[in-house]
């Protein structure tokens, strides 16, 4: 989407996977001294295929993307948050950018969700400077508590009920060390719970500016004109549920469709029935899990969407849509 809004150079790069085991391909977008980076590309849900989950995944690959952009001259880093498999409070990303985490024995390590409680100190002596960060988030969740990152999002990242509570405790412990290191407690900031605490990391360490991703998209004259001309708007996310109302693009586009008398098709890997109230009555849902099964849809998302849209186009009245 950013490429459609700005004149960008797409730069292919190599980074580690979220378990820090193998090198994988990724990309960043460069436009002058600005870089645009998608957290889901660096450490997203696709990493579940290699066994990554909220307890063991690292955001270190995202930090590698940022460092690559800086080495290419970027002074303004724009990061789209969301869709990550991580819950490491951005510690991996900060480690890649020069922060050093040590345990009680003084040993340096890169924390993940299961080891956040082992952080005894954080050194920011070598942390990058002279770079500004803007993060784009479509959720307003804070880091901790009933509406925090662990209790709201960790389950969909593969965490059990017991692991969710462990992540909550670990996050609370780590947040205290962050507050001591950076001189402020950002755990209650809006969007600090975004992307497994990546929002918390960038707000704490870099005083990042927080903006709405969906509003950023709709602010583009190019995107606005395409929406104006469209008869049908197609959008989607991995799971469409009550969270989709909280500023996410699906909810924002639904409101736009109602206001401008447009039809809208929402594609979801899984769609909760309660989500019918989210979208206008004239719209359709395409539930990939219902059509193809969860396993097939997760392994072959592009093919599942293509096949689902084929059914829609061939016989929209006969498609098993939630409307």
C-alpha atoms as a PDB file:
ATOM      1  CA  UNK A   1       0.000   0.000   0.000  1.00  0.00           C
ATOM      2  CA  UNK A   2       2.839   2.397   0.829  1.00  0.00           C
ATOM      3  CA  UNK A   3       4.318   1.747  -2.612  1.00  0.00           C
ATOM      4  CA  UNK A   4       1.046   2.932  -4.132  1.00  0.00           C
ATOM      5  CA  UNK A   5       1.150   6.101  -2.039  1.00  0.00           C
ATOM      6  CA  UNK A   6       4.770   7.153  -2.446  1.00  0.00           C
ATOM      7  CA  UNK A   7       7.636   6.800  -4.887  1.00  0.00           C
ATOM      8  CA  UNK A   8       9.606   4.039  -3.223  1.00  0.00           C
ATOM      9  CA  UNK A   9      12.479   1.760  -4.053  1.00  0.00           C
ATOM     10  CA  UNK A  10      11.819  -1.816  -2.980  1.00  0.00           C
ATOM     11  CA  UNK A  11      15.020  -3.168  -1.464  1.00  0.00           C
ATOM     12  CA  UNK A  12      15.361  -6.949  -1.015  1.00  0.00           C
ATOM     13  CA  UNK A  13      17.312  -7.923   2.084  1.00  0.00           C
ATOM     14  CA  UNK A  14      18.151 -11.019   4.104  1.00  0.00           C
ATOM     15  CA  UNK A  15      17.304 -11.343   7.781  1.00  0.00           C
ATOM     16  CA  UNK A  16      17.039 -14.089  10.384  1.00  0.00           C
ATOM     17  CA  UNK A  17      13.772 -15.876  11.025  1.00  0.00           C
ATOM     18  CA  UNK A  18      11.882 -15.224  14.270  1.00  0.00           C
ATOM     19  CA  UNK A  19      13.581 -18.169  16.005  1.00  0.00           C
ATOM     20  CA  UNK A  20      16.992 -16.758  14.987  1.00  0.00           C
ATOM     21  CA  UNK A  21      17.920 -20.013  13.289  1.00  0.00           C
ATOM     22  CA  UNK A  22      17.947 -19.466   9.514  1.00  0.00           C
ATOM     23  CA  UNK A  23      18.354 -16.640   7.026  1.00  0.00           C
ATOM     24  CA  UNK A  24      15.226 -15.660   5.094  1.00  0.00           C
ATOM     25  CA  UNK A  25      14.342 -13.116   2.424  1.00  0.00           C
ATOM     26  CA  UNK A  26      12.517  -9.906   3.247  1.00  0.00           C
ATOM     27  CA  UNK A  27      12.234  -6.362   1.915  1.00  0.00           C
ATOM     28  CA  UNK A  28      12.072  -2.721   2.926  1.00  0.00           C
ATOM     29  CA  UNK A  29      10.899   0.366   1.045  1.00  0.00           C
ATOM     30  CA  UNK A  30      13.137   3.422   0.711  1.00  0.00           C
ATOM     31  CA  UNK A  31      11.973   6.866  -0.375  1.00  0.00           C
ATOM     32  CA  UNK A  32      14.726   9.465  -0.023  1.00  0.00           C
ATOM     33  CA  UNK A  33      15.702   9.557   3.636  1.00  0.00           C
ATOM     34  CA  UNK A  34      12.507   7.756   4.681  1.00  0.00           C
ATOM     35  CA  UNK A  35      12.141   4.012   5.110  1.00  0.00           C
ATOM     36  CA  UNK A  36       8.900   2.042   5.336  1.00  0.00           C
ATOM     37  CA  UNK A  37       9.023  -1.316   7.087  1.00  0.00           C
ATOM     38  CA  UNK A  38       6.277  -3.857   7.772  1.00  0.00           C
ATOM     39  CA  UNK A  39       6.659  -5.759  11.042  1.00  0.00           C
ATOM     40  CA  UNK A  40       4.540  -8.646   9.755  1.00  0.00           C
ATOM     41  CA  UNK A  41       7.037  -9.260   6.948  1.00  0.00           C
ATOM     42  CA  UNK A  42       9.911  -9.468   9.403  1.00  0.00           C
ATOM     43  CA  UNK A  43       8.317 -11.513  12.190  1.00  0.00           C
ATOM     44  CA  UNK A  44       4.777 -12.340  11.174  1.00  0.00           C
ATOM     45  CA  UNK A  45       2.325 -15.199  11.612  1.00  0.00           C
ATOM     46  CA  UNK A  46       3.863 -17.108   8.713  1.00  0.00           C
ATOM     47  CA  UNK A  47       6.674 -17.961  11.145  1.00  0.00           C
ATOM     48  CA  UNK A  48       4.330 -20.408  12.889  1.00  0.00           C
ATOM     49  CA  UNK A  49       5.337 -22.841  10.162  1.00  0.00           C
ATOM     50  CA  UNK A  50       8.786 -23.107  11.774  1.00  0.00           C
ATOM     51  CA  UNK A  51       7.417 -23.442  15.290  1.00  0.00           C
ATOM     52  CA  UNK A  52       7.546 -19.797  16.303  1.00  0.00           C
ATOM     53  CA  UNK A  53       4.996 -18.603  18.852  1.00  0.00           C
ATOM     54  CA  UNK A  54       4.454 -15.865  21.407  1.00  0.00           C
ATOM     55  CA  UNK A  55       6.802 -17.450  23.922  1.00  0.00           C
ATOM     56  CA  UNK A  56       9.845 -18.101  21.713  1.00  0.00           C
ATOM     57  CA  UNK A  57       9.692 -15.690  18.774  1.00  0.00           C
ATOM     58  CA  UNK A  58      11.983 -12.680  18.505  1.00  0.00           C
ATOM     59  CA  UNK A  59      11.544  -9.282  16.877  1.00  0.00           C
ATOM     60  CA  UNK A  60      15.269  -9.218  16.131  1.00  0.00           C
ATOM     61  CA  UNK A  61      14.599  -9.564  12.362  1.00  0.00           C
ATOM     62  CA  UNK A  62      12.627  -6.306  12.444  1.00  0.00           C
ATOM     63  CA  UNK A  63      15.632  -4.611  14.014  1.00  0.00           C
ATOM     64  CA  UNK A  64      17.769  -5.973  11.194  1.00  0.00           C
ATOM     65  CA  UNK A  65      15.401  -4.366   8.672  1.00  0.00           C
ATOM     66  CA  UNK A  66      15.662  -1.031  10.479  1.00  0.00           C
ATOM     67  CA  UNK A  67      19.450  -1.203  10.677  1.00  0.00           C
ATOM     68  CA  UNK A  68      19.636  -1.970   6.945  1.00  0.00           C
ATOM     69  CA  UNK A  69      17.474   1.066   6.216  1.00  0.00           C
ATOM     70  CA  UNK A  70      19.672   3.296   8.380  1.00  0.00           C
ATOM     71  CA  UNK A  71      22.810   2.021   6.665  1.00  0.00           C
ATOM     72  CA  UNK A  72      21.186   3.051   3.381  1.00  0.00           C
ATOM     73  CA  UNK A  73      20.779   6.600   4.653  1.00  0.00           C
ATOM     74  CA  UNK A  74      17.293   6.574   6.178  1.00  0.00           C
ATOM     75  CA  UNK A  75      16.720   9.177   8.887  1.00  0.00           C
ATOM     76  CA  UNK A  76      12.971   8.693   9.262  1.00  0.00           C
ATOM     77  CA  UNK A  77      11.750   5.165   9.953  1.00  0.00           C
ATOM     78  CA  UNK A  78       8.069   4.378   9.450  1.00  0.00           C
ATOM     79  CA  UNK A  79       6.946   1.012  10.816  1.00  0.00           C
ATOM     80  CA  UNK A  80       3.618  -0.689  10.267  1.00  0.00           C
ATOM     81  CA  UNK A  81       2.829  -2.637  13.433  1.00  0.00           C
ATOM     82  CA  UNK A  82       0.615  -5.697  13.626  1.00  0.00           C
ATOM     83  CA  UNK A  83       0.422  -9.268  12.443  1.00  0.00           C
ATOM     84  CA  UNK A  84       3.491 -10.358  14.404  1.00  0.00           C
ATOM     85  CA  UNK A  85       4.032 -13.729  16.042  1.00  0.00           C
ATOM     86  CA  UNK A  86       6.166 -12.116  18.753  1.00  0.00           C
ATOM     87  CA  UNK A  87       5.568 -11.075  22.344  1.00  0.00           C
ATOM     88  CA  UNK A  88       9.052  -9.957  23.327  1.00  0.00           C
ATOM     89  CA  UNK A  89       8.212  -6.279  23.969  1.00  0.00           C
ATOM     90  CA  UNK A  90      10.450  -5.386  21.045  1.00  0.00           C
ATOM     91  CA  UNK A  91      13.557  -6.521  22.913  1.00  0.00           C
ATOM     92  CA  UNK A  92      14.842  -8.381  19.865  1.00  0.00           C
ATOM     93  CA  UNK A  93      14.461  -5.323  17.657  1.00  0.00           C
ATOM     94  CA  UNK A  94      16.201  -3.120  20.219  1.00  0.00           C
ATOM     95  CA  UNK A  95      19.029  -5.654  20.538  1.00  0.00           C
ATOM     96  CA  UNK A  96      19.597  -5.480  16.781  1.00  0.00           C
ATOM     97  CA  UNK A  97      19.731  -1.700  17.109  1.00  0.00           C
ATOM     98  CA  UNK A  98      22.405  -1.707  19.800  1.00  0.00           C
ATOM     99  CA  UNK A  99      20.629  -2.189  23.137  1.00  0.00           C
ATOM    100  CA  UNK A 100      22.179  -4.772  25.441  1.00  0.00           C
ATOM    101  CA  UNK A 101      20.104  -6.897  27.807  1.00  0.00           C
ATOM    102  CA  UNK A 102      21.735  -8.623  30.773  1.00  0.00           C
ATOM    103  CA  UNK A 103      20.457 -11.104  33.336  1.00  0.00           C
ATOM    104  CA  UNK A 104      21.224 -11.117  37.068  1.00  0.00           C
ATOM    105  CA  UNK A 105      24.535 -12.866  36.434  1.00  0.00           C
ATOM    106  CA  UNK A 106      25.605 -10.140  34.006  1.00  0.00           C
ATOM    107  CA  UNK A 107      25.258 -12.338  30.944  1.00  0.00           C
ATOM    108  CA  UNK A 108      24.090 -10.659  27.742  1.00  0.00           C
ATOM    109  CA  UNK A 109      21.132 -12.279  25.990  1.00  0.00           C
ATOM    110  CA  UNK A 110      18.275 -11.527  23.596  1.00  0.00           C
ATOM    111  CA  UNK A 111      14.993 -11.865  25.511  1.00  0.00           C
ATOM    112  CA  UNK A 112      11.879 -13.487  24.110  1.00  0.00           C
ATOM    113  CA  UNK A 113       8.475 -13.850  25.701  1.00  0.00           C
ATOM    114  CA  UNK A 114       9.526 -16.660  27.993  1.00  0.00           C
ATOM    115  CA  UNK A 115      12.656 -14.894  29.258  1.00  0.00           C
ATOM    116  CA  UNK A 116      11.484 -11.300  29.678  1.00  0.00           C
ATOM    117  CA  UNK A 117      11.487 -11.815  33.437  1.00  0.00           C
ATOM    118  CA  UNK A 118      15.220 -12.521  33.328  1.00  0.00           C
ATOM    119  CA  UNK A 119      16.102  -8.967  32.282  1.00  0.00           C
ATOM    120  CA  UNK A 120      18.071  -7.377  35.098  1.00  0.00           C
ATOM    121  CA  UNK A 121      19.464  -4.394  33.216  1.00  0.00           C
ATOM    122  CA  UNK A 122      19.386  -2.698  29.817  1.00  0.00           C
ATOM    123  CA  UNK A 123      22.317  -0.759  28.413  1.00  0.00           C
ATOM    124  CA  UNK A 124      21.440   1.909  25.858  1.00  0.00           C
ATOM    125  CA  UNK A 125      25.024   3.098  25.373  1.00  0.00           C
ATOM    126  CA  UNK A 126      25.212   1.716  21.827  1.00  0.00           C
ATOM    127  CA  UNK A 127      21.570   2.195  20.892  1.00  0.00           C
ATOM    128  CA  UNK A 128      21.126   4.036  17.600  1.00  0.00           C
ATOM    129  CA  UNK A 129      20.478   7.784  17.743  1.00  0.00           C
ATOM    130  CA  UNK A 130      19.650  10.629  15.372  1.00  0.00           C
ATOM    131  CA  UNK A 131      16.801   8.674  13.761  1.00  0.00           C
ATOM    132  CA  UNK A 132      13.107   9.428  14.158  1.00  0.00           C
ATOM    133  CA  UNK A 133      10.428   6.740  14.373  1.00  0.00           C
ATOM    134  CA  UNK A 134       6.766   6.809  13.436  1.00  0.00           C
ATOM    135  CA  UNK A 135       4.772   3.695  14.193  1.00  0.00           C
ATOM    136  CA  UNK A 136       1.393   2.919  12.681  1.00  0.00           C
ATOM    137  CA  UNK A 137      -1.005   0.826  14.704  1.00  0.00           C
ATOM    138  CA  UNK A 138      -4.661  -0.015  14.267  1.00  0.00           C
ATOM    139  CA  UNK A 139      -5.095  -1.158  17.861  1.00  0.00           C
ATOM    140  CA  UNK A 140      -5.096   1.058  20.940  1.00  0.00           C
ATOM    141  CA  UNK A 141      -4.384  -1.670  23.500  1.00  0.00           C
ATOM    142  CA  UNK A 142      -1.951  -0.894  26.289  1.00  0.00           C
ATOM    143  CA  UNK A 143       0.811  -3.300  27.243  1.00  0.00           C
ATOM    144  CA  UNK A 144      -0.589  -4.857  30.425  1.00  0.00           C
ATOM    145  CA  UNK A 145      -3.881  -5.872  31.985  1.00  0.00           C
ATOM    146  CA  UNK A 146      -7.148  -7.339  30.749  1.00  0.00           C
ATOM    147  CA  UNK A 147      -6.945  -5.419  27.475  1.00  0.00           C
ATOM    148  CA  UNK A 148      -3.167  -5.760  27.176  1.00  0.00           C
ATOM    149  CA  UNK A 149      -0.979  -7.499  24.656  1.00  0.00           C
ATOM    150  CA  UNK A 150      -0.766 -10.899  26.340  1.00  0.00           C
ATOM    151  CA  UNK A 151      -4.379 -11.390  27.368  1.00  0.00           C
ATOM    152  CA  UNK A 152      -5.846 -10.095  24.117  1.00  0.00           C
ATOM    153  CA  UNK A 153      -3.431 -11.220  21.422  1.00  0.00           C
ATOM    154  CA  UNK A 154      -1.147 -14.003  22.684  1.00  0.00           C
ATOM    155  CA  UNK A 155      -3.679 -16.803  22.224  1.00  0.00           C
ATOM    156  CA  UNK A 156      -3.818 -16.236  18.482  1.00  0.00           C
ATOM    157  CA  UNK A 157      -0.011 -16.411  18.526  1.00  0.00           C
ATOM    158  CA  UNK A 158      -0.068 -19.970  19.857  1.00  0.00           C
ATOM    159  CA  UNK A 159       0.089 -19.345  23.610  1.00  0.00           C
ATOM    160  CA  UNK A 160      -1.853 -21.553  26.034  1.00  0.00           C
ATOM    161  CA  UNK A 161      -3.861 -20.072  28.923  1.00  0.00           C
ATOM    162  CA  UNK A 162      -0.969 -20.786  31.286  1.00  0.00           C
ATOM    163  CA  UNK A 163       1.535 -19.234  28.885  1.00  0.00           C
ATOM    164  CA  UNK A 164      -0.619 -16.133  28.540  1.00  0.00           C
ATOM    165  CA  UNK A 165      -0.436 -15.533  32.275  1.00  0.00           C
ATOM    166  CA  UNK A 166       3.300 -16.211  32.198  1.00  0.00           C
ATOM    167  CA  UNK A 167       3.710 -13.631  29.428  1.00  0.00           C
ATOM    168  CA  UNK A 168       1.684 -11.127  31.435  1.00  0.00           C
ATOM    169  CA  UNK A 169       3.899 -11.582  34.511  1.00  0.00           C
ATOM    170  CA  UNK A 170       7.080 -11.454  32.455  1.00  0.00           C
ATOM    171  CA  UNK A 171       5.922  -8.335  30.656  1.00  0.00           C
ATOM    172  CA  UNK A 172       5.205  -6.626  33.949  1.00  0.00           C
ATOM    173  CA  UNK A 173       8.704  -7.449  35.212  1.00  0.00           C
ATOM    174  CA  UNK A 174      10.352  -6.275  31.994  1.00  0.00           C
ATOM    175  CA  UNK A 175       8.306  -3.071  31.877  1.00  0.00           C
ATOM    176  CA  UNK A 176       9.731  -2.085  35.269  1.00  0.00           C
ATOM    177  CA  UNK A 177      13.297  -2.435  33.949  1.00  0.00           C
ATOM    178  CA  UNK A 178      12.383  -0.427  30.847  1.00  0.00           C
ATOM    179  CA  UNK A 179      10.957   2.355  33.033  1.00  0.00           C
ATOM    180  CA  UNK A 180      14.160   2.476  35.086  1.00  0.00           C
ATOM    181  CA  UNK A 181      16.348   2.505  31.962  1.00  0.00           C
ATOM    182  CA  UNK A 182      14.465   5.048  29.859  1.00  0.00           C
ATOM    183  CA  UNK A 183      13.104   7.187  32.689  1.00  0.00           C
ATOM    184  CA  UNK A 184       9.423   6.749  31.902  1.00  0.00           C
ATOM    185  CA  UNK A 185       6.728   4.100  32.187  1.00  0.00           C
ATOM    186  CA  UNK A 186       5.139   3.711  28.769  1.00  0.00           C
ATOM    187  CA  UNK A 187       3.152   0.562  29.570  1.00  0.00           C
ATOM    188  CA  UNK A 188      -0.099   2.540  29.751  1.00  0.00           C
ATOM    189  CA  UNK A 189       0.465   4.486  26.533  1.00  0.00           C
ATOM    190  CA  UNK A 190      -2.053   3.977  23.751  1.00  0.00           C
ATOM    191  CA  UNK A 191      -0.851   1.266  21.336  1.00  0.00           C
ATOM    192  CA  UNK A 192       1.971   0.180  23.650  1.00  0.00           C
ATOM    193  CA  UNK A 193       0.487  -3.322  23.450  1.00  0.00           C
ATOM    194  CA  UNK A 194       0.551  -3.380  19.673  1.00  0.00           C
ATOM    195  CA  UNK A 195       2.464  -6.173  17.927  1.00  0.00           C
ATOM    196  CA  UNK A 196       3.494  -8.019  21.067  1.00  0.00           C
ATOM    197  CA  UNK A 197       4.780  -4.886  22.744  1.00  0.00           C
ATOM    198  CA  UNK A 198       6.699  -3.468  19.800  1.00  0.00           C
ATOM    199  CA  UNK A 199       4.760  -0.259  20.313  1.00  0.00           C
ATOM    200  CA  UNK A 200       5.996  -0.188  23.914  1.00  0.00           C
ATOM    201  CA  UNK A 201       9.611  -0.627  22.793  1.00  0.00           C
ATOM    202  CA  UNK A 202       9.633   2.181  20.236  1.00  0.00           C
ATOM    203  CA  UNK A 203       7.730   4.596  22.475  1.00  0.00           C
ATOM    204  CA  UNK A 204      10.048   3.843  25.411  1.00  0.00           C
ATOM    205  CA  UNK A 205      13.381   3.853  23.596  1.00  0.00           C
ATOM    206  CA  UNK A 206      12.797   6.385  20.822  1.00  0.00           C
ATOM    207  CA  UNK A 207       9.736   8.429  21.874  1.00  0.00           C
ATOM    208  CA  UNK A 208       8.144   7.234  18.651  1.00  0.00           C
ATOM    209  CA  UNK A 209       5.173   9.085  17.196  1.00  0.00           C
ATOM    210  CA  UNK A 210       2.086   6.864  17.128  1.00  0.00           C
ATOM    211  CA  UNK A 211      -0.385   7.151  14.256  1.00  0.00           C
ATOM    212  CA  UNK A 212      -3.355   5.185  13.001  1.00  0.00           C
ATOM    213  CA  UNK A 213      -2.429   2.865  10.146  1.00  0.00           C
ATOM    214  CA  UNK A 214      -5.897   2.933   8.624  1.00  0.00           C
ATOM    215  CA  UNK A 215      -6.088   6.715   8.769  1.00  0.00           C
ATOM    216  CA  UNK A 216      -2.637   6.890   7.152  1.00  0.00           C
ATOM    217  CA  UNK A 217      -3.875   4.709   4.303  1.00  0.00           C
ATOM    218  CA  UNK A 218      -7.067   6.668   3.746  1.00  0.00           C
ATOM    219  CA  UNK A 219      -5.215   9.992   3.877  1.00  0.00           C
ATOM    220  CA  UNK A 220      -3.512   9.196   0.579  1.00  0.00           C
ATOM    221  CA  UNK A 221      -5.037  11.043  -2.404  1.00  0.00           C
ATOM    222  CA  UNK A 222      -4.297   7.970  -4.533  1.00  0.00           C
ATOM    223  CA  UNK A 223      -6.103   5.569  -2.216  1.00  0.00           C
ATOM    224  CA  UNK A 224      -8.968   8.012  -1.627  1.00  0.00           C
ATOM    225  CA  UNK A 225      -9.545   8.396  -5.357  1.00  0.00           C
ATOM    226  CA  UNK A 226      -9.498   4.641  -5.911  1.00  0.00           C
ATOM    227  CA  UNK A 227     -12.052   4.176  -3.149  1.00  0.00           C
ATOM    228  CA  UNK A 228     -14.217   6.919  -4.616  1.00  0.00           C
ATOM    229  CA  UNK A 229     -14.275   5.190  -8.003  1.00  0.00           C
ATOM    230  CA  UNK A 230     -14.842   1.698  -6.632  1.00  0.00           C
ATOM    231  CA  UNK A 231     -18.166  -0.099  -6.678  1.00  0.00           C
ATOM    232  CA  UNK A 232     -16.851  -2.865  -4.424  1.00  0.00           C
ATOM    233  CA  UNK A 233     -14.213  -2.559  -1.689  1.00  0.00           C
ATOM    234  CA  UNK A 234     -12.308  -5.719  -0.747  1.00  0.00           C
ATOM    235  CA  UNK A 235     -10.500  -5.869   2.589  1.00  0.00           C
ATOM    236  CA  UNK A 236      -9.598  -8.459   5.185  1.00  0.00           C
ATOM    237  CA  UNK A 237      -7.438  -9.710   8.050  1.00  0.00           C
ATOM    238  CA  UNK A 238      -6.410 -12.983   9.609  1.00  0.00           C
ATOM    239  CA  UNK A 239      -9.258 -13.038  12.112  1.00  0.00           C
ATOM    240  CA  UNK A 240     -12.271 -10.782  11.923  1.00  0.00           C
ATOM    241  CA  UNK A 241     -13.834 -10.335  15.347  1.00  0.00           C
ATOM    242  CA  UNK A 242     -14.829  -7.638  17.823  1.00  0.00           C
ATOM    243  CA  UNK A 243     -11.243  -6.297  17.743  1.00  0.00           C
ATOM    244  CA  UNK A 244     -11.759  -5.337  14.109  1.00  0.00           C
ATOM    245  CA  UNK A 245     -13.873  -2.419  15.290  1.00  0.00           C
ATOM    246  CA  UNK A 246     -11.026  -0.863  17.245  1.00  0.00           C
ATOM    247  CA  UNK A 247      -9.505   1.257  14.506  1.00  0.00           C
ATOM    248  CA  UNK A 248      -8.360  -1.584  12.262  1.00  0.00           C
ATOM    249  CA  UNK A 249      -8.567  -1.137   8.505  1.00  0.00           C
ATOM    250  CA  UNK A 250     -11.492  -3.549   8.152  1.00  0.00           C
ATOM    251  CA  UNK A 251     -13.606  -1.485  10.525  1.00  0.00           C
ATOM    252  CA  UNK A 252     -12.496   1.823   9.036  1.00  0.00           C
ATOM    253  CA  UNK A 253     -13.313   0.694   5.505  1.00  0.00           C
ATOM    254  CA  UNK A 254     -16.664  -0.648   6.705  1.00  0.00           C
ATOM    255  CA  UNK A 255     -17.542   2.789   8.043  1.00  0.00           C
ATOM    256  CA  UNK A 256     -16.390   4.329   4.764  1.00  0.00           C
ATOM    257  CA  UNK A 257     -18.562   1.898   2.789  1.00  0.00           C
ATOM    258  CA  UNK A 258     -21.664   2.793   4.805  1.00  0.00           C
ATOM    259  CA  UNK A 259     -21.007   6.517   4.533  1.00  0.00           C
ATOM    260  CA  UNK A 260     -20.457   6.379   0.760  1.00  0.00           C
ATOM    261  CA  UNK A 261     -23.000   3.690  -0.164  1.00  0.00           C
ATOM    262  CA  UNK A 262     -20.367   1.177  -1.270  1.00  0.00           C
ATOM    263  CA  UNK A 263     -20.500  -2.589  -1.146  1.00  0.00           C
ATOM    264  CA  UNK A 264     -17.747  -4.286   0.810  1.00  0.00           C
ATOM    265  CA  UNK A 265     -16.321  -7.800   0.887  1.00  0.00           C
ATOM    266  CA  UNK A 266     -14.347  -8.757   4.005  1.00  0.00           C
ATOM    267  CA  UNK A 267     -12.041 -11.770   3.719  1.00  0.00           C
ATOM    268  CA  UNK A 268     -10.938 -13.452   6.919  1.00  0.00           C
ATOM    269  CA  UNK A 269      -8.944 -16.529   7.759  1.00  0.00           C
ATOM    270  CA  UNK A 270     -11.568 -16.970  10.472  1.00  0.00           C
ATOM    271  CA  UNK A 271     -14.669 -14.873  11.087  1.00  0.00           C
ATOM    272  CA  UNK A 272     -16.641 -14.801  14.311  1.00  0.00           C
ATOM    273  CA  UNK A 273     -20.394 -14.706  13.843  1.00  0.00           C
ATOM    274  CA  UNK A 274     -20.671 -11.666  16.090  1.00  0.00           C
ATOM    275  CA  UNK A 275     -18.774  -9.747  13.433  1.00  0.00           C
ATOM    276  CA  UNK A 276     -21.888  -9.516  11.260  1.00  0.00           C
ATOM    277  CA  UNK A 277     -22.724  -6.286  13.051  1.00  0.00           C
ATOM    278  CA  UNK A 278     -19.362  -4.819  12.043  1.00  0.00           C
ATOM    279  CA  UNK A 279     -20.089  -4.458   8.349  1.00  0.00           C
ATOM    280  CA  UNK A 280     -22.996  -2.941   6.402  1.00  0.00           C
ATOM    281  CA  UNK A 281     -25.937  -5.170   5.506  1.00  0.00           C
ATOM    282  CA  UNK A 282     -25.142  -4.942   1.801  1.00  0.00           C
ATOM    283  CA  UNK A 283     -21.679  -6.458   2.313  1.00  0.00           C
ATOM    284  CA  UNK A 284     -20.361 -10.001   2.272  1.00  0.00           C
ATOM    285  CA  UNK A 285     -17.985 -12.078   4.347  1.00  0.00           C
ATOM    286  CA  UNK A 286     -15.635 -14.679   2.902  1.00  0.00           C
ATOM    287  CA  UNK A 287     -14.588 -17.050   5.687  1.00  0.00           C
ATOM    288  CA  UNK A 288     -11.630 -19.067   4.422  1.00  0.00           C
ATOM    289  CA  UNK A 289     -11.665 -21.526   7.325  1.00  0.00           C
ATOM    290  CA  UNK A 290     -15.303 -22.353   6.663  1.00  0.00           C
ATOM    291  CA  UNK A 291     -14.652 -22.843   2.965  1.00  0.00           C
ATOM    292  CA  UNK A 292     -11.322 -24.671   3.032  1.00  0.00           C
ATOM    293  CA  UNK A 293     -10.550 -25.580   6.637  1.00  0.00           C
ATOM    294  CA  UNK A 294      -8.113 -23.842   8.967  1.00  0.00           C
ATOM    295  CA  UNK A 295      -5.012 -25.884   8.102  1.00  0.00           C
ATOM    296  CA  UNK A 296      -5.340 -25.523   4.322  1.00  0.00           C
ATOM    297  CA  UNK A 297      -6.108 -21.805   4.571  1.00  0.00           C
ATOM    298  CA  UNK A 298      -3.065 -21.133   6.755  1.00  0.00           C
ATOM    299  CA  UNK A 299      -0.722 -23.178   4.551  1.00  0.00           C
ATOM    300  CA  UNK A 300      -2.061 -21.824   1.249  1.00  0.00           C
ATOM    301  CA  UNK A 301      -3.579 -18.382   1.916  1.00  0.00           C
ATOM    302  CA  UNK A 302      -3.199 -17.017  -1.608  1.00  0.00           C
ATOM    303  CA  UNK A 303      -4.737 -20.085  -3.188  1.00  0.00           C
ATOM    304  CA  UNK A 304      -7.517 -20.188  -0.607  1.00  0.00           C
ATOM    305  CA  UNK A 305      -8.420 -16.560  -1.330  1.00  0.00           C
ATOM    306  CA  UNK A 306      -8.277 -17.111  -5.092  1.00  0.00           C
ATOM    307  CA  UNK A 307     -10.526 -20.156  -4.886  1.00  0.00           C
ATOM    308  CA  UNK A 308     -12.936 -18.371  -2.562  1.00  0.00           C
ATOM    309  CA  UNK A 309     -13.175 -15.361  -4.839  1.00  0.00           C
ATOM    310  CA  UNK A 310     -13.720 -17.712  -7.772  1.00  0.00           C
ATOM    311  CA  UNK A 311     -16.748 -19.150  -6.032  1.00  0.00           C
ATOM    312  CA  UNK A 312     -17.993 -15.681  -5.278  1.00  0.00           C
ATOM    313  CA  UNK A 313     -17.671 -14.514  -8.847  1.00  0.00           C
ATOM    314  CA  UNK A 314     -19.234 -17.668 -10.267  1.00  0.00           C
ATOM    315  CA  UNK A 315     -22.293 -17.690  -8.074  1.00  0.00           C
ATOM    316  CA  UNK A 316     -22.413 -15.038  -5.374  1.00  0.00           C
ATOM    317  CA  UNK A 317     -25.907 -16.008  -4.320  1.00  0.00           C
ATOM    318  CA  UNK A 318     -24.916 -19.603  -3.725  1.00  0.00           C
ATOM    319  CA  UNK A 319     -21.699 -18.915  -1.818  1.00  0.00           C
ATOM    320  CA  UNK A 320     -21.742 -19.734   1.888  1.00  0.00           C
ATOM    321  CA  UNK A 321     -21.402 -16.127   3.030  1.00  0.00           C
ATOM    322  CA  UNK A 322     -22.281 -14.715   6.422  1.00  0.00           C
ATOM    323  CA  UNK A 323     -24.719 -11.958   5.585  1.00  0.00           C
END
